[in-house]
């Protein structure tokens, strides 16, 4: 094999894994980023990684079947790296949806430009804020570092049975951590709203003549917004935890390779 052939194969392998990461990862995989820009970014990253990963990638297979399987495996690895971090960021959307249900905003659906599906008001607010904080703490740099590290520890052909065996345990652990993170984000405002609901129910029970739901709903929204504003410092500290959780997830995926 000539040097040029090996180099082209390294670029192709790096492009396959990078494109999977860019397709789903936060910041890179935003729907507001045009597809040609994402493809170009994947190509630039692949060209930059090719000289580094060429010794680990090795020579291209001599048959089409192992060649295609290798590229499919690389795309799957990139998707795993990007989707897990995107799922962690999605914890703030779950927290926002819960608060919208409690404050009465769930009927108001907005189109989220980042993911192209409708979300409620506070869910979109939490998501946009989380994306900004993720970029400010250099979360996208962690993704690129994990991408480069995954080539250093990779043994060549990705074994799907090994990924499936370790992926289930990793997915269960990640799901539990995401739910716990969602609970931590929502509990300050949700606790205040629960007290307001209890007070409204007590007043409605004691004085049935008072239209408490008509009078109390605007007050409930006002109290909820004040509670949300007061919980923002806690949200900032939890954003650091999201970054740490993302790094641990990426480290586990890379170790599994």
Protein backbone atom coordinates (compact mmCIF):
# COMPACT_ATOMS: atom_id res chain seq x y z
CA UNK A 1 0.00 0.00 0.00
CA UNK A 2 1.26 3.46 -0.82
CA UNK A 3 1.43 6.28 1.68
CA UNK A 4 -1.26 8.22 -0.17
CA UNK A 5 -3.69 5.30 0.06
CA UNK A 6 -3.13 4.93 3.80
CA UNK A 7 -3.54 8.66 4.30
CA UNK A 8 -6.81 8.72 2.36
CA UNK A 9 -8.08 5.77 4.40
CA UNK A 10 -7.20 7.61 7.62
CA UNK A 11 -9.11 10.67 6.44
CA UNK A 12 -12.12 8.51 5.53
CA UNK A 13 -12.17 6.74 8.91
CA UNK A 14 -11.75 10.01 10.79
CA UNK A 15 -14.49 11.62 8.72
CA UNK A 16 -16.92 8.77 9.47
CA UNK A 17 -16.41 9.01 13.23
CA UNK A 18 -16.37 12.80 13.23
CA UNK A 19 -19.56 13.06 11.18
CA UNK A 20 -21.39 10.86 13.70
CA UNK A 21 -20.22 13.12 16.53
CA UNK A 22 -21.11 16.34 14.73
CA UNK A 23 -24.56 15.03 13.79
CA UNK A 24 -25.79 14.69 17.40
CA UNK A 25 -23.42 16.55 19.71
CA UNK A 26 -24.51 19.79 21.39
CA UNK A 27 -23.36 23.01 19.68
CA UNK A 28 -22.09 21.12 16.60
CA UNK A 29 -25.32 19.25 15.90
CA UNK A 30 -27.69 22.19 16.26
CA UNK A 31 -30.42 22.33 13.63
CA UNK A 32 -29.59 25.99 13.10
CA UNK A 33 -26.22 24.96 11.67
CA UNK A 34 -26.68 24.20 7.93
CA UNK A 35 -25.87 20.69 6.77
CA UNK A 36 -23.07 21.85 4.40
CA UNK A 37 -21.42 23.62 7.33
CA UNK A 38 -21.57 20.45 9.46
CA UNK A 39 -20.18 18.36 6.61
CA UNK A 40 -17.41 20.88 6.07
CA UNK A 41 -16.60 20.93 9.77
CA UNK A 42 -16.42 17.13 9.81
CA UNK A 43 -14.09 17.22 6.80
CA UNK A 44 -11.80 19.82 8.38
CA UNK A 45 -11.59 17.86 11.63
CA UNK A 46 -10.89 14.67 9.68
CA UNK A 47 -8.06 16.33 7.73
CA UNK A 48 -6.57 17.62 10.96
CA UNK A 49 -6.80 14.24 12.71
CA UNK A 50 -5.59 12.13 9.78
CA UNK A 51 -1.82 12.54 10.34
CA UNK A 52 -2.25 11.79 14.06
CA UNK A 53 -4.55 8.78 13.75
CA UNK A 54 -2.89 7.18 10.73
CA UNK A 55 -0.69 4.82 12.81
CA UNK A 56 -3.75 3.64 14.79
CA UNK A 57 -6.04 3.27 11.77
CA UNK A 58 -3.66 1.11 9.76
CA UNK A 59 -4.16 -0.03 6.18
CA UNK A 60 -7.55 -0.26 4.46
CA UNK A 61 -9.20 -3.70 4.19
CA UNK A 62 -8.80 -5.57 0.94
CA UNK A 63 -12.52 -6.34 0.55
CA UNK A 64 -15.63 -4.15 0.38
CA UNK A 65 -17.55 -5.89 3.17
CA UNK A 66 -15.03 -5.30 6.00
CA UNK A 67 -14.40 -1.81 4.63
CA UNK A 68 -18.08 -0.85 4.86
CA UNK A 69 -18.45 -2.51 8.27
CA UNK A 70 -15.46 -0.57 9.55
CA UNK A 71 -16.93 2.74 8.39
CA UNK A 72 -20.34 1.89 9.86
CA UNK A 73 -18.67 1.08 13.18
CA UNK A 74 -16.85 4.42 13.13
CA UNK A 75 -20.13 6.27 12.57
CA UNK A 76 -21.72 4.38 15.47
CA UNK A 77 -18.86 5.36 17.78
CA UNK A 78 -19.27 9.00 16.81
CA UNK A 79 -23.01 8.82 17.40
CA UNK A 80 -22.43 7.33 20.86
CA UNK A 81 -20.04 10.13 21.79
CA UNK A 82 -22.43 12.84 20.66
CA UNK A 83 -25.78 11.42 21.73
CA UNK A 84 -24.82 10.76 25.34
CA UNK A 85 -23.73 14.36 25.90
CA UNK A 86 -26.87 15.59 24.11
CA UNK A 87 -28.95 13.42 26.45
CA UNK A 88 -27.28 15.00 29.48
CA UNK A 89 -28.12 18.47 28.17
CA UNK A 90 -31.69 17.20 27.67
CA UNK A 91 -32.07 16.93 31.45
CA UNK A 92 -32.68 20.67 31.59
CA UNK A 93 -35.46 20.31 29.00
CA UNK A 94 -37.16 17.70 31.19
CA UNK A 95 -36.90 20.05 34.18
CA UNK A 96 -38.39 22.90 32.14
CA UNK A 97 -41.26 20.71 30.94
CA UNK A 98 -42.06 19.78 34.55
CA UNK A 99 -42.15 23.43 35.62
CA UNK A 100 -44.31 24.30 32.62
CA UNK A 101 -46.83 21.67 33.70
CA UNK A 102 -46.97 23.11 37.21
CA UNK A 103 -47.19 26.76 36.10
CA UNK A 104 -49.75 26.20 33.35
CA UNK A 105 -47.45 26.91 30.40
CA UNK A 106 -47.68 23.43 28.91
CA UNK A 107 -50.39 24.50 26.44
CA UNK A 108 -48.06 27.08 24.91
CA UNK A 109 -45.81 25.21 22.47
CA UNK A 110 -42.89 26.88 20.71
CA UNK A 111 -40.74 25.57 17.90
CA UNK A 112 -37.26 24.91 19.21
CA UNK A 113 -34.86 26.03 16.46
CA UNK A 114 -32.08 23.90 17.93
CA UNK A 115 -33.90 20.58 17.65
CA UNK A 116 -36.81 21.33 15.26
CA UNK A 117 -39.49 19.94 17.59
CA UNK A 118 -42.01 21.90 19.69
CA UNK A 119 -41.19 22.57 23.32
CA UNK A 120 -42.86 24.59 26.04
CA UNK A 121 -41.71 28.01 27.17
CA UNK A 122 -39.54 27.22 30.19
CA UNK A 123 -38.16 24.08 28.55
CA UNK A 124 -36.81 26.16 25.68
CA UNK A 125 -35.46 28.76 28.11
CA UNK A 126 -33.61 26.10 30.09
CA UNK A 127 -32.26 24.49 26.93
CA UNK A 128 -30.92 27.75 25.46
CA UNK A 129 -29.33 28.67 28.79
CA UNK A 130 -27.74 25.23 29.11
CA UNK A 131 -26.30 25.47 25.59
CA UNK A 132 -24.75 28.85 26.36
CA UNK A 133 -23.23 27.59 29.60
CA UNK A 134 -21.99 24.42 27.88
CA UNK A 135 -20.13 26.54 25.34
CA UNK A 136 -18.79 28.90 28.01
CA UNK A 137 -17.22 26.05 30.02
CA UNK A 138 -15.62 24.69 26.82
CA UNK A 139 -17.81 21.60 26.64
CA UNK A 140 -17.30 21.47 22.88
CA UNK A 141 -13.55 21.25 23.50
CA UNK A 142 -14.16 18.19 25.69
CA UNK A 143 -15.99 16.56 22.79
CA UNK A 144 -13.07 17.16 20.45
CA UNK A 145 -10.59 15.87 23.04
CA UNK A 146 -12.67 12.72 23.51
CA UNK A 147 -12.83 12.28 19.74
CA UNK A 148 -9.06 12.43 19.41
CA UNK A 149 -8.59 10.17 22.43
CA UNK A 150 -10.99 7.57 21.00
CA UNK A 151 -8.62 7.02 18.08
CA UNK A 152 -5.64 6.59 20.39
CA UNK A 153 -7.25 3.77 22.38
CA UNK A 154 -9.19 2.15 19.53
CA UNK A 155 -7.93 -1.27 18.50
CA UNK A 156 -9.15 -1.06 14.92
CA UNK A 157 -12.39 -2.77 13.96
CA UNK A 158 -15.28 -1.84 16.25
CA UNK A 159 -16.95 -4.95 17.68
CA UNK A 160 -20.68 -4.41 17.90
CA UNK A 161 -21.23 -7.22 20.39
CA UNK A 162 -18.74 -5.62 22.79
CA UNK A 163 -20.40 -2.23 22.41
CA UNK A 164 -23.85 -3.71 23.00
CA UNK A 165 -22.67 -5.62 26.08
CA UNK A 166 -21.18 -2.56 27.78
CA UNK A 167 -23.61 -0.07 26.26
CA UNK A 168 -26.67 -1.32 28.15
CA UNK A 169 -25.04 -0.88 31.54
CA UNK A 170 -23.72 2.53 30.52
CA UNK A 171 -27.14 3.61 29.24
CA UNK A 172 -28.87 2.58 32.48
CA UNK A 173 -26.34 4.44 34.60
CA UNK A 174 -26.53 7.52 32.39
CA UNK A 175 -30.35 7.48 32.47
CA UNK A 176 -30.38 7.44 36.27
CA UNK A 177 -27.89 10.30 36.46
CA UNK A 178 -29.90 12.36 33.94
CA UNK A 179 -33.11 11.88 35.95
CA UNK A 180 -31.32 12.86 39.17
CA UNK A 181 -29.90 15.94 37.46
CA UNK A 182 -33.37 16.86 36.18
CA UNK A 183 -34.73 16.54 39.72
CA UNK A 184 -32.00 18.80 41.11
CA UNK A 185 -32.70 21.50 38.51
CA UNK A 186 -36.48 21.47 38.96
CA UNK A 187 -36.84 20.93 42.71
CA UNK A 188 -36.26 24.56 43.92
CA UNK A 189 -39.00 26.08 41.77
CA UNK A 190 -41.20 22.97 41.92
CA UNK A 191 -41.11 23.02 45.73
CA UNK A 192 -42.32 26.62 45.82
CA UNK A 193 -45.07 25.87 43.30
CA UNK A 194 -46.17 22.86 45.34
CA UNK A 195 -46.58 25.08 48.41
CA UNK A 196 -48.61 27.58 46.34
CA UNK A 197 -50.84 24.78 45.03
CA UNK A 198 -51.38 23.49 48.56
CA UNK A 199 -52.29 26.96 49.80
CA UNK A 200 -54.73 27.48 46.92
CA UNK A 201 -56.35 24.11 47.62
CA UNK A 202 -56.69 24.96 51.34
CA UNK A 203 -58.30 28.33 50.59
CA UNK A 204 -60.63 26.75 48.02
CA UNK A 205 -61.68 24.14 50.60
CA UNK A 206 -62.18 26.69 53.39
CA UNK A 207 -63.97 29.33 51.30
CA UNK A 208 -65.68 27.63 48.33
CA UNK A 209 -67.28 30.89 47.20
CA UNK A 210 -63.92 32.39 46.23
CA UNK A 211 -62.92 31.60 42.60
CA UNK A 212 -59.45 30.69 43.73
CA UNK A 213 -58.29 29.20 40.43
CA UNK A 214 -59.26 32.32 38.52
CA UNK A 215 -57.54 34.59 41.02
CA UNK A 216 -54.66 32.32 41.96
CA UNK A 217 -53.33 31.36 38.53
CA UNK A 218 -51.74 34.77 37.79
CA UNK A 219 -50.27 34.79 41.28
CA UNK A 220 -48.99 31.26 40.77
CA UNK A 221 -47.24 32.25 37.55
CA UNK A 222 -45.69 35.30 39.22
CA UNK A 223 -44.46 33.27 42.18
CA UNK A 224 -43.12 30.60 39.83
CA UNK A 225 -41.13 33.12 37.81
CA UNK A 226 -39.69 34.65 40.97
CA UNK A 227 -38.73 31.19 42.22
CA UNK A 228 -37.16 30.40 38.85
CA UNK A 229 -35.11 33.60 38.99
CA UNK A 230 -33.99 32.75 42.49
CA UNK A 231 -32.90 29.25 41.44
CA UNK A 232 -30.67 30.44 38.59
CA UNK A 233 -27.50 30.50 40.77
CA UNK A 234 -28.16 26.85 41.58
CA UNK A 235 -28.60 26.17 37.88
CA UNK A 236 -25.18 27.69 37.21
CA UNK A 237 -23.54 25.33 39.68
CA UNK A 238 -25.42 22.39 38.18
CA UNK A 239 -24.10 23.33 34.73
CA UNK A 240 -20.62 22.53 36.02
CA UNK A 241 -21.94 19.15 37.16
CA UNK A 242 -23.37 18.58 33.68
CA UNK A 243 -19.93 19.19 32.21
CA UNK A 244 -18.33 16.77 34.69
CA UNK A 245 -20.99 14.16 33.93
CA UNK A 246 -20.41 14.61 30.20
CA UNK A 247 -16.68 14.12 30.68
CA UNK A 248 -17.19 10.95 32.73
CA UNK A 249 -19.55 9.59 30.08
CA UNK A 250 -17.07 10.30 27.30
CA UNK A 251 -14.29 8.71 29.33
CA UNK A 252 -16.36 5.54 29.84
CA UNK A 253 -17.17 5.32 26.13
CA UNK A 254 -13.51 5.76 25.21
CA UNK A 255 -12.47 3.18 27.81
CA UNK A 256 -15.02 0.76 26.36
CA UNK A 257 -13.32 0.98 22.97
